[in-house]
Amino acid sequence: MTSKNNDKSGNKKRKADKSTIRQRKKGIITNTQRYIPFSEIRNDTVILKNGGLRAVIEVEPLNFNLKSETEQMGIINGYESFINTITFPLQILIRSTRVNIGPYLEHIHEKAKDQNNALLREQTISYATFIEKIVDVADIMQKEFYIVVPLDDKPHKKNVFAQFFSWLQIDDSITKALQRNRSFQRQAARLKERIDLVETGLHNIGLGTKRLETLELIKLYYHTYNPEISKVQKIKQESDINTEKNVL
């Protein structure tokens, strides 16, 4: 009788332990999400929890070494003039990722299936295998260049410790969300002025630019925060998510 009671109490304890572990894991996931600094992405803009806005500009690089000495001096002088016109902070981001040739290889294999000639079909498949091995062995990387344009109502605290602890205040609320919506239109106009200034300066140097749209921003942040999962679970099309502009 005592043995049965001990078994029952042991089973209850194990169930209670499993329930606690599940709750703890769920809590860890929730807490991790709370530390993401932005609240939403809409109208081609990243909106932070503290009310700040961020726009991301993709920059097309140029090969500086292939330019003549005169052209190089012109680029350097143009960049100096561009920096002197900026009165707000900028973040320059260089993102290095492995070349994703998956879609290209799928395209090659589809072409191989359409080949009526057996020899051409075999050579097409061999070509796809060859390209896959080269990329895998050489570990070819691609670089993407971005400039993040910020707009904050409140100036950053100069004290490093004060700024660090302010980042820990990550809890969001309905009141904060309503306040962000009320001030978004006014802030978006000011942010657009900064974007125009940055793009004009870069165009004068000879650099092509493009402001990332909502879906492009979502993909960028999704790949940044989920480098491994994003290789398997991809955002394929705009219909998968709501990217319509909010009318304020």
C-alpha atoms as a PDB file:
ATOM      1  CA  MET A   1       0.000   0.000   0.000  1.00  0.00           C
ATOM      2  CA  THR A   2       2.798   2.355   0.907  1.00  0.00           C
ATOM      3  CA  SER A   3       4.635   1.553  -2.331  1.00  0.00           C
ATOM      4  CA  LYS A   4       1.575   2.484  -4.446  1.00  0.00           C
ATOM      5  CA  ASN A   5       1.167   5.782  -2.605  1.00  0.00           C
ATOM      6  CA  ASN A   6       4.856   6.548  -3.155  1.00  0.00           C
ATOM      7  CA  ASP A   7       4.482   5.792  -6.885  1.00  0.00           C
ATOM      8  CA  LYS A   8       1.461   8.106  -7.171  1.00  0.00           C
ATOM      9  CA  SER A   9       3.207  10.923  -5.327  1.00  0.00           C
ATOM     10  CA  GLY A  10       6.309  10.390  -7.494  1.00  0.00           C
ATOM     11  CA  ASN A  11       4.226  10.623 -10.692  1.00  0.00           C
ATOM     12  CA  LYS A  12       2.548  13.830  -9.497  1.00  0.00           C
ATOM     13  CA  LYS A  13       5.933  15.336  -8.702  1.00  0.00           C
ATOM     14  CA  ARG A  14       7.323  14.434 -12.142  1.00  0.00           C
ATOM     15  CA  LYS A  15       4.247  15.960 -13.853  1.00  0.00           C
ATOM     16  CA  ALA A  16       4.611  19.093 -11.768  1.00  0.00           C
ATOM     17  CA  ASP A  17       8.310  19.316 -12.675  1.00  0.00           C
ATOM     18  CA  LYS A  18       7.541  18.950 -16.409  1.00  0.00           C
ATOM     19  CA  SER A  19       4.848  21.620 -16.175  1.00  0.00           C
ATOM     20  CA  THR A  20       7.287  23.981 -14.464  1.00  0.00           C
ATOM     21  CA  ILE A  21       9.933  23.336 -17.137  1.00  0.00           C
ATOM     22  CA  ARG A  22       7.424  24.044 -19.924  1.00  0.00           C
ATOM     23  CA  GLN A  23       6.348  27.274 -18.276  1.00  0.00           C
ATOM     24  CA  ARG A  24       9.975  28.262 -17.769  1.00  0.00           C
ATOM     25  CA  LYS A  25      10.807  27.644 -21.460  1.00  0.00           C
ATOM     26  CA  LYS A  26       7.760  29.624 -22.530  1.00  0.00           C
ATOM     27  CA  GLY A  27       8.813  32.454 -20.251  1.00  0.00           C
ATOM     28  CA  ILE A  28      12.340  32.472 -21.721  1.00  0.00           C
ATOM     29  CA  ILE A  29      10.957  32.853 -25.263  1.00  0.00           C
ATOM     30  CA  THR A  30       8.651  35.666 -24.183  1.00  0.00           C
ATOM     31  CA  ASN A  31      11.431  37.481 -22.344  1.00  0.00           C
ATOM     32  CA  THR A  32      13.744  37.203 -25.345  1.00  0.00           C
ATOM     33  CA  GLN A  33      11.147  38.811 -27.614  1.00  0.00           C
ATOM     34  CA  ARG A  34      10.738  41.636 -25.127  1.00  0.00           C
ATOM     35  CA  TYR A  35      14.358  42.698 -25.668  1.00  0.00           C
ATOM     36  CA  ILE A  36      13.887  43.414 -29.384  1.00  0.00           C
ATOM     37  CA  PRO A  37      14.124  47.230 -29.506  1.00  0.00           C
ATOM     38  CA  PHE A  38      11.520  47.899 -32.226  1.00  0.00           C
ATOM     39  CA  SER A  39       7.763  47.538 -31.970  1.00  0.00           C
ATOM     40  CA  GLU A  40       6.673  47.369 -35.611  1.00  0.00           C
ATOM     41  CA  ILE A  41       7.664  47.914 -39.227  1.00  0.00           C
ATOM     42  CA  ARG A  42       5.269  49.876 -41.446  1.00  0.00           C
ATOM     43  CA  ASN A  43       5.214  52.646 -44.040  1.00  0.00           C
ATOM     44  CA  ASP A  44       8.800  51.706 -45.007  1.00  0.00           C
ATOM     45  CA  THR A  45       9.917  52.638 -41.481  1.00  0.00           C
ATOM     46  CA  VAL A  46      11.142  50.805 -38.384  1.00  0.00           C
ATOM     47  CA  ILE A  47       9.348  52.128 -35.297  1.00  0.00           C
ATOM     48  CA  LEU A  48      11.172  51.672 -31.993  1.00  0.00           C
ATOM     49  CA  LYS A  49       9.456  51.083 -28.678  1.00  0.00           C
ATOM     50  CA  ASN A  50      10.756  54.409 -27.370  1.00  0.00           C
ATOM     51  CA  GLY A  51       9.081  56.254 -30.268  1.00  0.00           C
ATOM     52  CA  GLY A  52      12.180  56.642 -32.429  1.00  0.00           C
ATOM     53  CA  LEU A  53      12.137  55.971 -36.164  1.00  0.00           C
ATOM     54  CA  ARG A  54      14.670  54.274 -38.421  1.00  0.00           C
ATOM     55  CA  ALA A  55      14.924  54.219 -42.205  1.00  0.00           C
ATOM     56  CA  VAL A  56      17.346  51.886 -43.983  1.00  0.00           C
ATOM     57  CA  ILE A  57      18.979  52.907 -47.261  1.00  0.00           C
ATOM     58  CA  GLU A  58      20.650  50.267 -49.415  1.00  0.00           C
ATOM     59  CA  VAL A  59      23.797  51.581 -51.111  1.00  0.00           C
ATOM     60  CA  GLU A  60      25.277  50.223 -54.329  1.00  0.00           C
ATOM     61  CA  PRO A  61      29.079  50.042 -53.927  1.00  0.00           C
ATOM     62  CA  LEU A  62      31.624  51.202 -56.463  1.00  0.00           C
ATOM     63  CA  ASN A  63      35.115  49.821 -57.085  1.00  0.00           C
ATOM     64  CA  PHE A  64      37.350  52.601 -55.797  1.00  0.00           C
ATOM     65  CA  ASN A  65      40.580  50.889 -56.950  1.00  0.00           C
ATOM     66  CA  LEU A  66      39.483  50.874 -60.598  1.00  0.00           C
ATOM     67  CA  LYS A  67      39.018  54.646 -60.618  1.00  0.00           C
ATOM     68  CA  SER A  68      41.703  57.003 -61.865  1.00  0.00           C
ATOM     69  CA  GLU A  69      43.618  59.147 -59.382  1.00  0.00           C
ATOM     70  CA  THR A  70      41.559  62.198 -60.348  1.00  0.00           C
ATOM     71  CA  GLU A  71      38.301  60.291 -59.875  1.00  0.00           C
ATOM     72  CA  GLN A  72      39.480  58.955 -56.520  1.00  0.00           C
ATOM     73  CA  MET A  73      40.275  62.461 -55.267  1.00  0.00           C
ATOM     74  CA  GLY A  74      36.859  63.619 -56.462  1.00  0.00           C
ATOM     75  CA  ILE A  75      35.159  60.806 -54.521  1.00  0.00           C
ATOM     76  CA  ILE A  76      37.169  61.580 -51.362  1.00  0.00           C
ATOM     77  CA  ASN A  77      36.370  65.300 -51.574  1.00  0.00           C
ATOM     78  CA  GLY A  78      32.713  64.539 -52.250  1.00  0.00           C
ATOM     79  CA  TYR A  79      32.548  62.229 -49.249  1.00  0.00           C
ATOM     80  CA  GLU A  80      34.171  64.889 -47.061  1.00  0.00           C
ATOM     81  CA  SER A  81      31.585  67.448 -48.183  1.00  0.00           C
ATOM     82  CA  PHE A  82      28.804  64.921 -47.540  1.00  0.00           C
ATOM     83  CA  ILE A  83      29.993  64.252 -43.981  1.00  0.00           C
ATOM     84  CA  ASN A  84      30.243  67.983 -43.249  1.00  0.00           C
ATOM     85  CA  THR A  85      26.583  68.507 -44.231  1.00  0.00           C
ATOM     86  CA  ILE A  86      25.287  65.847 -41.832  1.00  0.00           C
ATOM     87  CA  THR A  87      24.129  67.199 -38.452  1.00  0.00           C
ATOM     88  CA  PHE A  88      22.715  63.932 -37.107  1.00  0.00           C
ATOM     89  CA  PRO A  89      24.209  60.482 -36.397  1.00  0.00           C
ATOM     90  CA  LEU A  90      24.289  57.771 -39.065  1.00  0.00           C
ATOM     91  CA  GLN A  91      24.916  54.052 -38.834  1.00  0.00           C
ATOM     92  CA  ILE A  92      26.881  52.408 -41.655  1.00  0.00           C
ATOM     93  CA  LEU A  93      26.185  48.674 -41.835  1.00  0.00           C
ATOM     94  CA  ILE A  94      28.145  46.148 -43.914  1.00  0.00           C
ATOM     95  CA  ARG A  95      26.448  42.758 -43.929  1.00  0.00           C
ATOM     96  CA  SER A  96      28.398  39.689 -45.072  1.00  0.00           C
ATOM     97  CA  THR A  97      26.469  36.535 -45.921  1.00  0.00           C
ATOM     98  CA  ARG A  98      27.169  33.337 -47.804  1.00  0.00           C
ATOM     99  CA  VAL A  99      26.007  33.330 -51.405  1.00  0.00           C
ATOM    100  CA  ASN A 100      22.640  31.592 -51.681  1.00  0.00           C
ATOM    101  CA  ILE A 101      22.665  29.713 -54.991  1.00  0.00           C
ATOM    102  CA  GLY A 102      19.681  27.511 -54.117  1.00  0.00           C
ATOM    103  CA  PRO A 103      17.216  29.234 -56.484  1.00  0.00           C
ATOM    104  CA  TYR A 104      19.800  29.260 -59.284  1.00  0.00           C
ATOM    105  CA  LEU A 105      20.493  25.522 -58.887  1.00  0.00           C
ATOM    106  CA  GLU A 106      16.760  24.783 -58.888  1.00  0.00           C
ATOM    107  CA  HIS A 107      16.482  26.751 -62.133  1.00  0.00           C
ATOM    108  CA  ILE A 108      19.342  24.733 -63.685  1.00  0.00           C
ATOM    109  CA  HIS A 109      17.763  21.418 -62.656  1.00  0.00           C
ATOM    110  CA  GLU A 110      14.441  22.503 -64.155  1.00  0.00           C
ATOM    111  CA  LYS A 111      16.265  23.322 -67.385  1.00  0.00           C
ATOM    112  CA  ALA A 112      17.871  19.869 -67.292  1.00  0.00           C
ATOM    113  CA  LYS A 113      14.448  18.209 -67.080  1.00  0.00           C
ATOM    114  CA  ASP A 114      13.322  20.109 -70.184  1.00  0.00           C
ATOM    115  CA  GLN A 115      16.299  18.891 -72.243  1.00  0.00           C
ATOM    116  CA  ASN A 116      15.292  16.278 -74.798  1.00  0.00           C
ATOM    117  CA  ASN A 117      18.901  15.424 -75.593  1.00  0.00           C
ATOM    118  CA  ALA A 118      20.276  12.969 -72.999  1.00  0.00           C
ATOM    119  CA  LEU A 119      23.831  14.290 -73.357  1.00  0.00           C
ATOM    120  CA  LEU A 120      22.782  17.916 -72.841  1.00  0.00           C
ATOM    121  CA  ARG A 121      20.668  16.882 -69.862  1.00  0.00           C
ATOM    122  CA  GLU A 122      23.624  15.101 -68.259  1.00  0.00           C
ATOM    123  CA  GLN A 123      25.964  18.048 -68.899  1.00  0.00           C
ATOM    124  CA  THR A 124      23.452  20.482 -67.371  1.00  0.00           C
ATOM    125  CA  ILE A 125      23.205  18.400 -64.204  1.00  0.00           C
ATOM    126  CA  SER A 126      27.019  18.101 -64.076  1.00  0.00           C
ATOM    127  CA  TYR A 127      27.293  21.885 -64.388  1.00  0.00           C
ATOM    128  CA  ALA A 128      24.903  22.397 -61.456  1.00  0.00           C
ATOM    129  CA  THR A 129      26.901  19.941 -59.332  1.00  0.00           C
ATOM    130  CA  PHE A 130      30.161  21.665 -60.287  1.00  0.00           C
ATOM    131  CA  ILE A 131      28.857  25.123 -59.305  1.00  0.00           C
ATOM    132  CA  GLU A 132      27.528  23.779 -55.990  1.00  0.00           C
ATOM    133  CA  LYS A 133      30.906  22.249 -55.096  1.00  0.00           C
ATOM    134  CA  ILE A 134      32.830  25.422 -55.998  1.00  0.00           C
ATOM    135  CA  VAL A 135      30.611  27.618 -53.815  1.00  0.00           C
ATOM    136  CA  ASP A 136      30.800  25.120 -50.954  1.00  0.00           C
ATOM    137  CA  VAL A 137      34.600  24.795 -51.060  1.00  0.00           C
ATOM    138  CA  ALA A 138      35.424  28.446 -51.755  1.00  0.00           C
ATOM    139  CA  ASP A 139      32.904  29.694 -49.149  1.00  0.00           C
ATOM    140  CA  ILE A 140      31.991  32.650 -51.368  1.00  0.00           C
ATOM    141  CA  MET A 141      30.539  35.607 -49.476  1.00  0.00           C
ATOM    142  CA  GLN A 142      28.433  38.497 -50.662  1.00  0.00           C
ATOM    143  CA  LYS A 143      28.394  41.934 -49.051  1.00  0.00           C
ATOM    144  CA  GLU A 144      25.467  44.287 -48.660  1.00  0.00           C
ATOM    145  CA  PHE A 145      25.868  47.934 -47.690  1.00  0.00           C
ATOM    146  CA  TYR A 146      23.287  49.921 -45.752  1.00  0.00           C
ATOM    147  CA  ILE A 147      22.964  53.300 -44.065  1.00  0.00           C
ATOM    148  CA  VAL A 148      20.525  53.552 -41.149  1.00  0.00           C
ATOM    149  CA  VAL A 149      18.996  57.014 -40.775  1.00  0.00           C
ATOM    150  CA  PRO A 150      17.665  57.659 -37.245  1.00  0.00           C
ATOM    151  CA  LEU A 151      15.182  60.105 -35.782  1.00  0.00           C
ATOM    152  CA  ASP A 152      14.679  60.355 -32.029  1.00  0.00           C
ATOM    153  CA  ASP A 153      12.533  62.857 -30.161  1.00  0.00           C
ATOM    154  CA  LYS A 154      14.676  62.541 -27.074  1.00  0.00           C
ATOM    155  CA  PRO A 155      18.452  63.014 -27.386  1.00  0.00           C
ATOM    156  CA  HIS A 156      20.631  60.072 -26.359  1.00  0.00           C
ATOM    157  CA  LYS A 157      21.997  60.171 -22.844  1.00  0.00           C
ATOM    158  CA  LYS A 158      25.706  60.955 -22.841  1.00  0.00           C
ATOM    159  CA  ASN A 159      26.369  58.765 -19.814  1.00  0.00           C
ATOM    160  CA  VAL A 160      27.120  55.245 -21.060  1.00  0.00           C
ATOM    161  CA  PHE A 161      25.656  53.534 -17.980  1.00  0.00           C
ATOM    162  CA  ALA A 162      22.497  55.642 -18.098  1.00  0.00           C
ATOM    163  CA  GLN A 163      22.051  54.805 -21.765  1.00  0.00           C
ATOM    164  CA  PHE A 164      22.598  51.093 -21.098  1.00  0.00           C
ATOM    165  CA  PHE A 165      19.967  50.972 -18.347  1.00  0.00           C
ATOM    166  CA  SER A 166      17.513  52.926 -20.503  1.00  0.00           C
ATOM    167  CA  TRP A 167      17.734  50.103 -23.062  1.00  0.00           C
ATOM    168  CA  LEU A 168      16.572  47.671 -20.386  1.00  0.00           C
ATOM    169  CA  GLN A 169      13.232  49.482 -20.150  1.00  0.00           C
ATOM    170  CA  ILE A 170      11.818  47.392 -22.955  1.00  0.00           C
ATOM    171  CA  ASP A 171       8.231  46.791 -21.788  1.00  0.00           C
ATOM    172  CA  ASP A 172       5.681  48.085 -24.283  1.00  0.00           C
ATOM    173  CA  SER A 173       2.134  49.223 -23.549  1.00  0.00           C
ATOM    174  CA  ILE A 174      -1.038  50.398 -25.291  1.00  0.00           C
ATOM    175  CA  THR A 175      -0.377  53.941 -24.089  1.00  0.00           C
ATOM    176  CA  LYS A 176       3.051  53.971 -25.734  1.00  0.00           C
ATOM    177  CA  ALA A 177       1.624  52.517 -28.967  1.00  0.00           C
ATOM    178  CA  LEU A 178      -1.080  55.214 -29.157  1.00  0.00           C
ATOM    179  CA  GLN A 179       1.503  57.901 -28.495  1.00  0.00           C
ATOM    180  CA  ARG A 180       3.712  56.544 -31.307  1.00  0.00           C
ATOM    181  CA  ASN A 181       0.772  56.588 -33.740  1.00  0.00           C
ATOM    182  CA  ARG A 182      -0.092  60.190 -32.875  1.00  0.00           C
ATOM    183  CA  SER A 183       3.441  61.426 -33.475  1.00  0.00           C
ATOM    184  CA  PHE A 184       4.288  59.199 -36.456  1.00  0.00           C
ATOM    185  CA  GLN A 185       3.107  61.505 -39.239  1.00  0.00           C
ATOM    186  CA  ARG A 186       5.043  64.495 -37.893  1.00  0.00           C
ATOM    187  CA  GLN A 187       8.172  62.414 -37.307  1.00  0.00           C
ATOM    188  CA  ALA A 188       7.934  60.666 -40.709  1.00  0.00           C
ATOM    189  CA  ALA A 189       8.115  64.029 -42.487  1.00  0.00           C
ATOM    190  CA  ARG A 190      11.246  64.979 -40.560  1.00  0.00           C
ATOM    191  CA  LEU A 191      12.772  61.569 -41.261  1.00  0.00           C
ATOM    192  CA  LYS A 192      12.079  61.997 -44.994  1.00  0.00           C
ATOM    193  CA  GLU A 193      14.055  65.259 -44.969  1.00  0.00           C
ATOM    194  CA  ARG A 194      17.046  63.434 -43.508  1.00  0.00           C
ATOM    195  CA  ILE A 195      16.728  60.621 -46.050  1.00  0.00           C
ATOM    196  CA  ASP A 196      16.673  63.102 -48.954  1.00  0.00           C
ATOM    197  CA  LEU A 197      19.776  64.829 -47.573  1.00  0.00           C
ATOM    198  CA  VAL A 198      21.681  61.528 -47.249  1.00  0.00           C
ATOM    199  CA  GLU A 199      20.669  60.232 -50.676  1.00  0.00           C
ATOM    200  CA  THR A 200      21.567  63.528 -52.381  1.00  0.00           C
ATOM    201  CA  GLY A 201      25.008  63.488 -50.775  1.00  0.00           C
ATOM    202  CA  LEU A 202      25.647  59.888 -51.823  1.00  0.00           C
ATOM    203  CA  HIS A 203      24.429  60.500 -55.376  1.00  0.00           C
ATOM    204  CA  ASN A 204      26.906  63.362 -55.678  1.00  0.00           C
ATOM    205  CA  ILE A 205      29.689  60.874 -54.903  1.00  0.00           C
ATOM    206  CA  GLY A 206      28.393  58.488 -57.570  1.00  0.00           C
ATOM    207  CA  LEU A 207      26.727  55.941 -55.279  1.00  0.00           C
ATOM    208  CA  GLY A 208      23.311  54.528 -56.115  1.00  0.00           C
ATOM    209  CA  THR A 209      20.795  54.323 -53.255  1.00  0.00           C
ATOM    210  CA  LYS A 210      17.411  52.807 -52.530  1.00  0.00           C
ATOM    211  CA  ARG A 211      15.287  53.148 -49.419  1.00  0.00           C
ATOM    212  CA  LEU A 212      14.122  49.714 -48.278  1.00  0.00           C
ATOM    213  CA  GLU A 213      10.368  49.217 -48.391  1.00  0.00           C
ATOM    214  CA  THR A 214       8.320  47.524 -45.683  1.00  0.00           C
ATOM    215  CA  LEU A 215       8.660  43.952 -46.999  1.00  0.00           C
ATOM    216  CA  GLU A 216      12.384  44.424 -47.633  1.00  0.00           C
ATOM    217  CA  LEU A 217      12.855  45.697 -44.076  1.00  0.00           C
ATOM    218  CA  ILE A 218      10.960  42.730 -42.670  1.00  0.00           C
ATOM    219  CA  LYS A 219      13.135  40.310 -44.635  1.00  0.00           C
ATOM    220  CA  LEU A 220      16.333  42.092 -43.560  1.00  0.00           C
ATOM    221  CA  TYR A 221      15.457  41.989 -39.855  1.00  0.00           C
ATOM    222  CA  TYR A 222      14.107  38.446 -40.135  1.00  0.00           C
ATOM    223  CA  HIS A 223      17.379  37.204 -41.654  1.00  0.00           C
ATOM    224  CA  THR A 224      19.423  39.200 -39.125  1.00  0.00           C
ATOM    225  CA  TYR A 225      17.629  37.868 -36.046  1.00  0.00           C
ATOM    226  CA  ASN A 226      17.163  34.335 -37.457  1.00  0.00           C
ATOM    227  CA  PRO A 227      20.294  33.513 -39.493  1.00  0.00           C
ATOM    228  CA  GLU A 228      19.767  29.742 -39.409  1.00  0.00           C
ATOM    229  CA  ILE A 229      15.969  29.468 -39.477  1.00  0.00           C
ATOM    230  CA  SER A 230      15.714  31.946 -42.373  1.00  0.00           C
ATOM    231  CA  LYS A 231      17.619  29.491 -44.592  1.00  0.00           C
ATOM    232  CA  VAL A 232      14.764  26.992 -44.259  1.00  0.00           C
ATOM    233  CA  GLN A 233      11.679  29.129 -43.559  1.00  0.00           C
ATOM    234  CA  LYS A 234      11.623  31.923 -46.121  1.00  0.00           C
ATOM    235  CA  ILE A 235       9.248  34.836 -46.648  1.00  0.00           C
ATOM    236  CA  LYS A 236       8.330  34.154 -50.256  1.00  0.00           C
ATOM    237  CA  GLN A 237       5.843  36.853 -51.186  1.00  0.00           C
ATOM    238  CA  GLU A 238       4.118  39.981 -49.953  1.00  0.00           C
ATOM    239  CA  SER A 239       0.774  38.191 -49.551  1.00  0.00           C
ATOM    240  CA  ASP A 240       2.259  36.224 -46.635  1.00  0.00           C
ATOM    241  CA  ILE A 241       2.184  39.356 -44.442  1.00  0.00           C
ATOM    242  CA  ASN A 242       0.348  42.669 -44.274  1.00  0.00           C
ATOM    243  CA  THR A 243       2.552  45.434 -45.682  1.00  0.00           C
ATOM    244  CA  GLU A 244      -0.121  47.980 -46.612  1.00  0.00           C
ATOM    245  CA  LYS A 245       0.652  51.564 -45.666  1.00  0.00           C
ATOM    246  CA  ASN A 246      -1.272  52.935 -42.691  1.00  0.00           C
ATOM    247  CA  VAL A 247      -3.267  56.074 -43.416  1.00  0.00           C
ATOM    248  CA  LEU A 248      -2.885  58.454 -40.482  1.00  0.00           C
END
